[in-house]
Protein backbone atom coordinates (compact mmCIF):
# COMPACT_ATOMS: atom_id res chain seq x y z
CA MET A 1 70.39 175.51 95.91
CA LYS A 2 73.13 175.59 98.56
CA PRO A 3 73.91 172.19 100.12
CA LEU A 4 71.24 170.93 102.29
CA PRO A 5 71.68 170.65 106.08
CA ALA A 6 72.39 167.32 107.82
CA VAL A 7 69.43 165.06 108.05
CA VAL A 8 68.16 163.82 111.37
CA SER A 9 68.37 160.27 112.64
CA GLY A 10 66.56 157.36 110.88
CA LEU A 11 62.94 156.55 111.56
CA LEU A 12 62.54 154.29 114.57
CA LEU A 13 59.28 152.42 115.38
CA LEU A 14 58.65 151.01 118.97
CA ALA A 15 56.99 147.71 119.49
CA LEU A 16 55.55 147.47 122.95
CA VAL A 17 55.71 144.05 124.77
CA PRO A 18 54.06 143.86 128.12
CA GLY A 19 56.45 143.05 130.89
CA ALA A 20 59.53 143.37 128.70
CA ALA A 21 61.94 146.15 127.41
CA GLU A 22 60.80 147.88 124.50
CA PRO A 23 62.67 146.46 121.45
CA ILE A 24 63.53 149.07 118.85
CA THR A 25 62.41 148.11 115.36
CA SER A 26 64.30 149.88 112.52
CA ASP A 27 63.41 150.37 108.93
CA TYR A 28 65.91 149.43 106.34
CA THR A 29 66.22 149.35 102.46
CA VAL A 30 67.82 146.21 101.30
CA VAL A 31 69.16 145.40 97.92
CA ALA A 32 69.44 141.95 96.47
CA ALA A 33 72.59 140.64 94.75
CA ASP A 34 72.60 140.55 90.85
CA GLY A 35 70.54 137.76 89.57
CA VAL A 36 68.98 136.76 92.90
CA SER A 37 65.24 135.86 92.66
CA VAL A 38 62.51 137.31 94.89
CA PRO A 39 62.02 134.11 96.80
CA ASP A 40 65.70 133.84 97.50
CA ALA A 41 66.08 137.37 98.51
CA THR A 42 63.19 137.38 100.82
CA ALA A 43 64.42 134.14 102.31
CA ALA A 44 67.87 135.73 103.01
CA ILE A 45 66.13 138.85 104.57
CA ARG A 46 64.09 136.45 106.88
CA SER A 47 67.33 134.64 107.76
CA ALA A 48 69.02 137.84 108.80
CA GLY A 49 66.12 138.77 110.97
CA GLY A 50 64.06 141.05 108.84
CA THR A 51 60.49 141.24 107.59
CA VAL A 52 59.76 142.57 104.05
CA VAL A 53 57.01 145.21 104.09
CA LYS A 54 57.28 146.48 100.48
CA ARG A 55 59.39 145.47 97.49
CA ASN A 56 60.24 146.85 94.08
CA ASP A 57 60.83 143.72 91.91
CA ALA A 58 61.99 145.80 88.89
CA VAL A 59 65.38 146.54 90.57
CA GLY A 60 65.59 144.09 93.50
CA VAL A 61 64.99 146.71 96.22
CA TYR A 62 63.14 145.88 99.49
CA ARG A 63 61.71 147.86 102.47
CA VAL A 64 62.33 145.83 105.59
CA THR A 65 61.77 146.13 109.27
CA SER A 66 63.82 144.38 111.93
CA ALA A 67 64.24 144.45 115.63
CA ASP A 68 67.60 142.81 115.40
CA ALA A 69 70.26 145.35 116.14
CA ARG A 70 72.73 143.31 113.98
CA PHE A 71 70.35 142.94 111.03
CA ALA A 72 72.53 145.22 108.74
CA ALA A 73 75.65 143.35 109.62
CA LYS A 74 74.06 139.98 108.87
CA ALA A 75 72.49 141.26 105.54
CA ALA A 76 76.08 142.27 104.56
CA THR A 77 77.41 138.83 105.00
CA SER A 78 74.61 137.09 102.94
CA PRO A 79 75.53 136.12 99.38
CA ALA A 80 72.05 136.86 98.26
CA LEU A 81 72.09 140.43 99.43
CA ILE A 82 74.41 143.38 98.69
CA GLY A 83 73.66 145.10 101.96
CA ALA A 84 71.23 147.12 103.99
CA SER A 85 70.82 150.83 104.52
CA GLU A 86 68.83 152.07 107.54
CA LEU A 87 66.16 154.53 106.43
CA ARG A 88 68.46 157.44 105.70
CA ALA A 89 68.53 160.35 103.24
CA ILE A 90 70.23 160.01 99.86
CA GLY A 91 70.51 163.72 98.84
CA ARG A 92 69.02 166.56 100.21
CA VAL A 93 45.34 171.31 94.50
CA SER A 94 43.36 173.26 92.76
CA THR A 95 42.52 174.42 89.15
CA ALA A 96 43.56 177.74 87.67
CA PRO A 97 41.55 180.77 88.84
CA ALA A 98 38.46 181.39 86.78
CA GLY A 99 38.96 183.55 83.70
CA ARG A 100 42.69 182.75 83.23
CA PRO A 101 44.00 182.13 79.69
CA ALA A 102 44.46 178.39 79.01
CA GLY A 103 48.08 178.48 78.02
CA LEU A 104 49.59 177.11 74.95
CA PRO A 105 47.56 175.01 72.59
CA VAL A 106 48.72 171.48 71.76
CA GLY A 107 51.46 171.44 69.18
CA ALA A 108 51.29 175.24 68.45
CA PRO A 109 54.15 177.66 68.42
CA GLY A 110 54.37 179.66 71.61
CA PRO A 111 53.86 183.36 71.67
CA ALA A 112 56.74 185.72 71.58
CA ALA A 113 55.50 187.94 74.32
CA LEU A 114 56.77 187.37 77.87
CA ASP A 115 54.90 187.21 80.93
CA PRO A 116 55.04 190.27 83.45
CA LEU A 117 57.90 189.06 85.66
CA ASP A 118 59.91 187.49 82.70
CA ASP A 119 62.15 190.73 82.52
CA LYS A 120 63.65 189.34 85.70
CA LEU A 121 64.44 186.01 84.19
CA TRP A 122 67.93 186.68 82.80
CA GLY A 123 68.36 182.77 82.48
CA LEU A 124 65.60 182.57 79.79
CA ARG A 125 67.47 185.09 77.76
CA MET A 126 70.89 183.34 78.20
CA ILE A 127 69.52 180.16 76.70
CA ARG A 128 67.47 182.02 74.12
CA ALA A 129 64.20 180.58 75.48
CA ASP A 130 62.41 183.89 74.74
CA ARG A 131 63.33 183.45 71.08
CA ALA A 132 62.46 179.74 70.99
CA ARG A 133 58.92 180.71 71.92
CA LYS A 134 58.42 182.33 68.54
CA VAL A 135 58.90 178.75 66.96
CA ARG A 136 57.59 176.33 69.59
CA GLY A 137 56.66 176.52 73.31
CA GLY A 138 56.33 172.91 74.07
CA ASP A 139 53.82 170.13 73.41
CA PRO A 140 51.57 169.08 76.31
CA GLY A 141 52.15 165.51 74.96
CA VAL A 142 55.69 165.73 76.49
CA THR A 143 55.73 164.85 80.10
CA VAL A 144 58.47 166.11 82.50
CA GLY A 145 58.70 164.62 85.91
CA VAL A 146 59.89 166.70 88.77
CA LEU A 147 61.61 164.20 91.25
CA ASP A 148 61.66 166.61 94.15
CA THR A 149 59.98 167.67 97.40
CA GLY A 150 56.51 167.96 95.62
CA LEU A 151 54.86 170.44 93.42
CA ASP A 152 52.41 173.06 94.34
CA ALA A 153 49.79 172.69 91.71
CA SER A 154 47.57 175.51 93.13
CA HIS A 155 50.26 178.00 91.96
CA PRO A 156 48.67 179.82 89.08
CA ASP A 157 51.70 179.37 86.78
CA LEU A 158 51.74 175.58 87.27
CA ALA A 159 48.16 174.67 87.49
CA PRO A 160 47.30 174.86 83.68
CA HIS A 161 49.70 171.95 82.64
CA PHE A 162 49.84 169.90 85.82
CA SER A 163 48.90 166.24 85.45
CA ARG A 164 47.18 165.06 88.61
CA THR A 165 46.53 161.65 87.03
CA LEU A 166 50.23 160.88 86.37
CA SER A 167 51.67 162.54 89.65
CA ARG A 168 52.55 160.45 92.59
CA ASN A 169 53.94 160.88 96.07
CA PHE A 170 56.47 158.15 97.01
CA ALA A 171 57.78 159.92 100.20
CA PRO A 172 55.36 159.90 103.21
CA ASP A 173 56.20 162.44 105.92
CA ILE A 174 58.54 161.25 108.63
CA PRO A 175 57.81 163.27 111.76
CA ASP A 176 61.43 163.18 113.06
CA ALA A 177 62.59 164.76 109.71
CA ASP A 178 59.56 166.74 108.56
CA GLY A 179 57.67 167.60 111.79
CA PRO A 180 54.07 166.68 112.45
CA CYS A 181 52.27 165.13 109.54
CA GLU A 182 49.69 167.30 107.88
CA VAL A 183 47.28 164.48 107.08
CA LYS A 184 46.56 161.33 109.11
CA SER A 185 48.10 158.97 106.58
CA CYS A 186 51.36 161.16 106.54
CA LEU A 187 51.12 160.87 102.69
CA ASP A 188 50.58 164.46 101.51
CA PRO A 189 48.14 164.64 98.51
CA VAL A 190 49.75 165.10 95.14
CA GLY A 191 49.86 168.74 94.06
CA THR A 192 51.45 170.01 97.34
CA ASP A 193 54.80 170.94 98.28
CA ASP A 194 55.80 171.65 101.98
CA GLY A 195 59.35 172.17 101.05
CA GLY A 196 59.19 174.55 98.06
CA HIS A 197 62.22 173.29 96.11
CA GLY A 198 60.18 171.13 93.60
CA THR A 199 57.87 174.08 92.94
CA HIS A 200 60.75 176.36 92.06
CA VAL A 201 62.26 173.74 89.86
CA ALA A 202 58.91 173.07 88.10
CA GLY A 203 58.33 176.84 87.41
CA THR A 204 61.63 177.15 85.57
CA ILE A 205 60.87 173.94 83.43
CA GLY A 206 57.17 174.83 82.47
CA ALA A 207 55.39 177.83 84.08
CA ALA A 208 52.69 178.71 81.78
CA ALA A 209 53.08 181.47 79.23
CA ASP A 210 49.69 183.13 79.65
CA GLY A 211 50.20 186.68 80.66
CA PHE A 212 50.51 186.07 84.46
CA GLY A 213 53.65 185.98 86.55
CA ILE A 214 56.53 184.08 84.86
CA SER A 215 56.89 181.64 81.99
CA GLY A 216 59.18 178.58 81.83
CA VAL A 217 61.59 177.39 79.28
CA ALA A 218 59.03 175.02 77.89
CA PRO A 219 55.75 176.63 78.96
CA GLY A 220 53.44 174.16 77.03
CA VAL A 221 54.67 170.84 78.30
CA THR A 222 53.02 168.66 80.95
CA LEU A 223 54.47 168.82 84.59
CA VAL A 224 54.33 165.67 86.64
CA GLU A 225 55.11 165.62 90.38
CA LEU A 226 57.25 162.71 91.57
CA LYS A 227 57.59 163.36 95.19
CA GLY A 228 60.72 161.44 96.19
CA GLY A 229 62.03 163.97 98.84
CA GLN A 230 60.84 164.75 102.29
CA ASP A 231 59.25 168.11 103.06
CA SER A 232 62.49 168.92 104.92
CA GLY A 233 64.48 168.52 101.62
CA PHE A 234 66.10 165.28 102.20
CA PHE A 235 65.87 162.12 100.00
CA PHE A 236 65.63 158.55 100.92
CA LEU A 237 66.70 155.64 98.80
CA ASP A 238 63.33 153.75 98.70
CA PRO A 239 61.28 156.62 97.54
CA VAL A 240 63.75 157.71 94.78
CA VAL A 241 64.12 154.22 93.45
CA ASP A 242 60.26 153.89 93.41
CA ALA A 243 59.98 157.22 91.58
CA LEU A 244 62.46 156.28 88.98
CA THR A 245 60.88 152.89 88.11
CA TYR A 246 57.47 154.49 88.07
CA ALA A 247 58.59 157.17 85.76
CA GLY A 248 59.79 154.39 83.36
CA ASP A 249 56.57 152.42 83.65
CA ALA A 250 54.33 155.53 83.18
CA GLY A 251 56.24 156.44 79.97
CA LEU A 252 57.47 159.82 81.22
CA ASP A 253 59.75 161.65 78.84
CA VAL A 254 62.08 163.63 81.05
CA VAL A 255 62.92 163.46 84.82
CA ASN A 256 64.68 166.34 86.52
CA MET A 257 66.83 165.42 89.68
CA SER A 258 68.19 168.04 91.88
CA PHE A 259 69.64 166.09 94.87
CA PHE A 260 72.62 164.05 95.68
CA VAL A 261 73.65 161.17 97.96
CA ASP A 262 73.53 161.29 101.72
CA PRO A 263 74.70 160.25 104.30
CA TRP A 264 77.73 159.56 102.27
CA ARG A 265 78.82 162.37 99.99
CA TYR A 266 80.52 159.74 97.85
CA LEU A 267 79.50 156.10 97.58
CA CYS A 268 82.59 154.06 98.09
CA PRO A 269 82.31 150.30 97.78
CA ALA A 270 85.52 149.52 99.68
CA ASN A 271 87.01 152.61 101.41
CA PRO A 272 89.49 151.51 104.03
CA ALA A 273 88.35 154.24 106.24
CA ASP A 274 84.83 152.64 106.53
CA SER A 275 83.82 149.58 108.47
CA GLN A 276 82.65 146.55 106.50
CA GLU A 277 79.03 147.22 107.40
CA ARG A 278 79.31 150.79 106.16
CA GLN A 279 81.01 149.60 102.90
CA ALA A 280 78.14 147.17 102.38
CA GLU A 281 75.63 149.99 102.94
CA GLN A 282 77.23 152.13 100.35
CA ARG A 283 77.39 149.26 97.88
CA ALA A 284 73.66 148.75 98.42
CA ILE A 285 72.71 152.31 97.88
CA LEU A 286 74.92 152.42 94.74
CA ALA A 287 73.45 149.21 93.33
CA GLY A 288 69.85 150.25 93.94
CA LEU A 289 70.27 153.75 92.33
CA THR A 290 72.25 152.42 89.36
CA ARG A 291 69.57 149.78 88.63
CA ALA A 292 66.80 152.36 88.96
CA LEU A 293 68.52 154.89 86.71
CA LYS A 294 69.16 152.33 83.98
CA TYR A 295 65.67 150.95 84.21
CA ALA A 296 64.19 154.47 83.68
CA HIS A 297 66.58 155.11 80.85
CA ASP A 298 65.88 151.95 79.17
CA LYS A 299 62.12 152.66 79.29
CA GLY A 300 62.76 155.93 77.47
CA VAL A 301 63.33 158.54 80.13
CA THR A 302 65.87 161.31 79.58
CA LEU A 303 67.48 161.90 82.94
CA ILE A 304 68.76 165.37 83.83
CA SER A 305 70.63 166.09 87.05
CA SER A 306 72.27 169.11 88.78
CA LEU A 307 76.16 168.52 89.19
CA GLY A 308 76.21 169.79 92.80
CA ASN A 309 77.20 172.79 94.92
CA GLY A 310 80.53 171.61 96.36
CA HIS A 311 82.78 173.84 94.24
CA GLU A 312 84.69 170.75 93.44
CA ASP A 313 86.38 169.07 90.45
CA LEU A 314 84.65 165.80 90.39
CA GLY A 315 87.62 164.23 88.77
CA ARG A 316 89.88 165.33 91.59
CA PRO A 317 87.70 165.02 94.69
CA ARG A 318 88.92 166.52 97.99
CA PRO A 319 88.90 164.49 101.17
CA ASP A 320 85.36 163.88 102.45
CA ARG A 321 85.14 165.32 106.00
CA SER A 322 81.19 165.44 106.03
CA SER A 323 80.22 161.85 105.91
CA PRO A 324 78.29 160.33 107.51
CA ASN A 325 76.41 163.47 108.12
CA TYR A 326 74.06 162.06 110.68
CA GLY A 327 73.57 159.06 112.86
CA ALA A 328 77.42 159.09 113.69
CA ASP A 329 80.06 161.74 113.74
CA PRO A 330 81.57 162.41 110.44
CA TYR A 331 85.28 161.44 109.87
CA GLU A 332 87.79 162.09 107.18
CA ARG A 333 87.86 159.76 104.11
CA LYS A 334 90.17 159.91 101.26
CA ILE A 335 88.20 159.63 98.07
CA ASP A 336 89.40 157.28 95.31
CA ASN A 337 88.19 158.79 92.09
CA ALA A 338 88.37 155.44 90.29
CA THR A 339 85.96 153.69 92.61
CA CYS A 340 83.95 156.24 94.58
CA ARG A 341 80.94 158.00 92.95
CA GLN A 342 78.64 160.74 93.72
CA MET A 343 75.16 159.84 92.75
CA PRO A 344 73.13 160.31 90.72
CA GLN A 345 75.54 162.56 89.04
CA GLU A 346 78.25 160.03 88.17
CA ASP A 347 75.83 157.50 86.59
CA PRO A 348 76.47 156.98 82.78
CA TYR A 349 72.79 157.58 81.94
CA VAL A 350 72.46 160.97 83.60
CA ILE A 351 73.13 164.37 81.83
CA ASN A 352 74.77 166.65 84.25
CA THR A 353 74.56 170.42 84.50
CA THR A 354 77.00 172.98 85.77
CA ALA A 355 75.74 176.42 86.98
CA LEU A 356 76.37 179.84 85.49
CA GLY A 357 76.00 183.30 86.80
CA PRO A 358 74.44 186.20 84.90
CA SER A 359 78.00 187.00 83.38
CA GLY A 360 78.26 183.46 81.90
CA ASN A 361 81.01 182.53 84.26
CA LYS A 362 80.88 179.29 86.31
CA ALA A 363 79.04 180.03 89.59
CA ASP A 364 81.36 180.03 92.54
CA TYR A 365 79.59 176.99 94.20
CA SER A 366 79.13 174.83 91.18
CA ASN A 367 80.82 171.53 90.85
CA TYR A 368 82.73 171.00 87.53
CA GLY A 369 85.27 168.86 85.80
CA VAL A 370 85.80 167.13 82.38
CA GLU A 371 84.78 163.76 83.75
CA GLN A 372 81.21 164.79 84.65
CA ALA A 373 80.19 168.17 83.18
CA ASP A 374 77.89 167.68 80.21
CA VAL A 375 76.15 170.93 79.65
CA ALA A 376 75.93 174.40 81.35
CA ALA A 377 72.92 176.45 82.27
CA PRO A 378 71.89 179.45 84.42
CA GLY A 379 71.95 178.58 88.10
CA GLY A 380 72.35 182.02 89.65
CA ASP A 381 75.30 183.62 91.49
CA GLU A 382 74.57 186.56 93.63
CA SER A 383 78.30 187.30 93.95
CA ASP A 384 78.47 187.84 90.22
CA GLY A 385 77.89 191.55 90.56
CA HIS A 386 74.08 191.54 90.63
CA GLY A 387 73.15 190.85 94.22
CA THR A 388 69.70 188.91 94.63
CA ALA A 389 68.88 189.73 90.99
CA GLY A 390 71.74 187.53 90.03
CA ALA A 391 69.90 184.52 91.41
CA ILE A 392 67.01 182.52 89.66
CA LEU A 393 63.40 183.76 90.14
CA SER A 394 60.89 180.99 90.06
CA SER A 395 57.55 179.92 91.53
CA TYR A 396 57.20 179.19 95.23
CA PRO A 397 54.48 178.04 97.58
CA LYS A 398 52.87 180.70 99.58
CA LEU A 399 52.62 178.59 102.72
CA VAL A 400 56.38 177.85 102.72
CA LEU A 401 57.22 181.45 102.41
CA GLN A 402 54.88 182.28 105.20
CA ALA A 403 56.50 179.55 107.34
CA GLN A 404 59.81 181.05 106.56
CA GLY A 405 58.72 184.56 107.62
CA LEU A 406 59.16 185.98 104.20
CA VAL A 407 55.40 186.58 103.71
CA ASP A 408 53.01 187.63 106.43
CA GLU A 409 49.58 186.09 107.18
CA LYS A 410 47.95 188.84 105.02
CA GLY A 411 49.96 187.73 102.00
CA GLU A 412 52.31 190.81 102.10
CA ILE A 413 56.06 190.46 101.70
CA THR A 414 57.79 191.17 104.96
CA GLY A 415 60.98 193.00 105.61
CA SER A 416 62.88 189.69 105.72
CA GLY A 417 61.48 188.78 102.26
CA ALA A 418 62.13 192.13 100.58
CA GLY A 419 64.49 191.67 97.70
CA SER A 420 64.19 187.80 97.66
CA VAL A 421 60.45 187.35 96.99
CA GLU A 422 58.18 188.81 94.20
CA LYS A 423 54.40 188.92 94.23
CA HIS A 424 52.21 189.27 91.18
CA CYS A 425 48.39 189.57 91.27
CA SER A 426 45.81 189.36 88.49
CA SER A 427 43.34 192.08 87.87
CA ALA A 428 40.75 189.74 89.63
CA GLY A 429 42.95 189.79 92.76
CA ALA A 430 44.50 186.31 92.49
CA CYS A 431 48.10 186.51 93.72
CA ALA A 432 51.19 184.27 93.45
CA TYR A 433 54.60 184.34 94.70
CA TYR A 434 58.06 183.78 93.39
CA LEU A 435 61.52 183.41 95.08
CA TYR A 436 65.13 184.24 94.00
CA THR A 437 67.51 181.46 94.83
CA GLN A 438 70.68 179.83 93.30
CA GLY A 439 72.30 176.50 92.83
CA THR A 440 72.93 173.87 90.29
CA SER A 441 69.45 172.73 91.35
CA MET A 442 68.22 175.88 89.40
CA ALA A 443 70.41 175.00 86.46
CA ALA A 444 69.12 171.46 85.88
CA PRO A 445 65.56 172.55 85.19
CA HIS A 446 66.70 174.93 82.34
CA VAL A 447 68.13 171.78 80.68
CA SER A 448 65.16 169.71 81.37
CA GLY A 449 63.01 172.46 79.65
CA VAL A 450 65.26 172.37 76.55
CA ALA A 451 65.14 168.58 76.48
CA ALA A 452 61.42 168.77 76.55
CA LEU A 453 61.40 171.26 73.56
CA ILE A 454 63.63 168.85 71.56
CA LEU A 455 61.04 166.08 72.26
CA SER A 456 58.24 168.52 71.27
CA ARG A 457 60.03 169.11 67.91
CA ASP A 458 60.96 165.56 66.97
CA GLY A 459 58.35 163.47 69.00
CA THR A 460 58.34 161.51 72.18
CA THR A 461 59.51 158.33 70.40
CA MET A 462 63.03 159.82 70.52
CA THR A 463 65.43 157.75 72.76
CA PRO A 464 67.26 159.46 75.68
CA ASP A 465 70.45 159.03 73.88
CA ALA A 466 69.09 160.76 70.82
CA VAL A 467 67.90 163.60 73.05
CA GLU A 468 71.29 163.89 74.72
CA ARG A 469 72.99 164.06 71.30
CA GLU A 470 70.73 166.97 70.32
CA LEU A 471 71.34 168.73 73.68
CA TYR A 472 75.10 168.70 72.92
CA ARG A 473 74.76 169.50 69.13
CA THR A 474 72.61 172.58 69.78
CA ALA A 475 74.45 173.89 72.76
CA ILE A 476 76.38 177.18 72.43
CA ASP A 477 80.21 176.49 72.55
CA ARG A 478 81.80 178.36 75.41
CA PRO A 479 85.57 178.12 75.76
CA CYS A 480 87.53 178.16 79.05
CA PRO A 481 88.14 181.66 80.49
CA LYS A 482 91.36 183.35 80.10
CA PRO A 483 93.27 182.70 82.24
CA ARG A 484 91.89 179.27 82.83
CA VAL A 485 92.01 179.58 86.57
CA GLN A 486 88.95 181.40 87.90
CA THR A 487 89.12 183.11 91.30
CA TYR A 488 86.17 184.46 93.51
CA PRO A 489 87.33 187.30 95.62
CA ASP A 490 84.62 186.81 98.07
CA ARG A 491 85.42 183.13 98.60
CA PRO A 492 88.10 181.12 100.31
CA ALA A 493 90.99 179.77 98.16
CA GLU A 494 89.48 176.23 97.86
CA PHE A 495 86.75 177.88 95.55
CA THR A 496 89.45 178.66 93.05
CA ALA A 497 88.83 176.54 89.96
CA ARG A 498 90.84 175.53 86.85
CA CYS A 499 89.13 174.83 83.61
CA GLU A 500 90.45 172.15 81.45
CA GLY A 501 89.53 171.24 77.85
CA GLY A 502 88.91 173.11 74.57
CA ARG A 503 86.27 175.20 73.00
CA THR A 504 83.77 172.51 72.09
CA PHE A 505 84.07 170.61 75.33
CA ASN A 506 85.62 171.61 78.83
CA GLY A 507 85.20 171.15 82.62
CA PHE A 508 83.13 174.31 83.07
CA TYR A 509 80.73 174.23 80.31
CA GLY A 510 80.71 170.55 79.10
CA HIS A 511 79.52 170.58 75.47
CA GLY A 512 78.29 174.11 75.87
CA ILE A 513 75.41 176.32 77.31
CA VAL A 514 72.09 174.73 76.39
CA ASP A 515 70.29 176.70 73.56
CA ALA A 516 66.54 176.51 73.48
CA HIS A 517 66.29 178.44 70.17
CA ALA A 518 68.51 176.09 68.36
CA ALA A 519 66.89 173.06 69.97
CA VAL A 520 63.53 173.97 68.38
CA GLY A 521 65.19 174.45 65.01
CA GLY A 522 65.33 178.34 65.18
């Protein structure tokens, strides 16, 4: 998807004291220093004026409230704590209708036939997922976590292989960011998605191949909702850390991540443009994410991420003029590539994906670079000579499309939705909806689907490192374009990108375009 808009200010809780001014109590995520015990960390938090309301002992991350306006500054000076981040973003159900086919049987090869709308899924053909299905369509014993805004399990293409038992919501609605809560607890039930992004991602990974709508790259695997993002599309440190450690503890096989860190586009431990308190905040976010990603990886989770939509060589970052993107006015920061990191993309345990248009060229918006590009996959590019059809079509919640004015109250596509929304109905009258959109967020789930097919082939005892090696080994080599400098006529000059590297590895395609057919042994 295109970069998310700026997040609104952090959550504020008011404590009313009769006869006194109303103190403001703020929520923080606090990260303990390496090796610090739980008792020592909680004591340091109390000393700084905070109260622990929740903790994740696996990675030393604490949810804290404090009415002390200087809590973050005090936490930054404590030797037991790395720092505190005020609650801020770090990025951006029913059963199947009666009479529907049951989908792919356990362990069985998938059917070669495609679903009715699959002729619009040029991405499936680019990575040869249509041919892979003749060999294997994915084993339901393989679990893929969608760490995103949720997952609409009432969608007919997602219902057959959705695991309600394994799914969790780690991100309660925040009215300031998401609008009024839909339920009293503000914790939406699993199987819902009021943002839409996670449902789109899930469809590309594993929409059922059953004669209805679309099919995914691995249509037989099990989909698990890990709601770590707000309905508004923003992600917060605490829910993401909890989702990652849960994925490890629950034994999930793959986790797809299509977000990046806010309010700091890059996390810089000691950027001279930042105050000491802001430096400590970034160190805390970086430490919390790093620990959670390593925890999940060490527990056997293959971690897949989109590389980002900043049209930037991540090895030569431009000055950051967008951070912080809320709570204070942004200011320019020079980015030291040796010390500043975009997360989770620049974590060593994460497999990164660049995005391609229908021609196979790097999409204009996609980040790239030999330092972080691992593989390439279809992400869509409407400027690639195909208009809306050059984007990626996948499942989308009807309610979100109605809220956006793309579908009316009767379920009909509006004039605003024409060309960007598809509708498919069964002979019994059950209808589902699909949206064209583009971004590295759409590329990553293609890779997650291929990783799931590899695990379906060789078994879920494969380590993440082994899955990564197979992704690279089976990818289709794609050399840099000639000339190596790729320009985009409809974009400003800063979109011009230079491809570095050779045929088997380069900054546009990494180790190549993922190949589902080769991944299943075809």
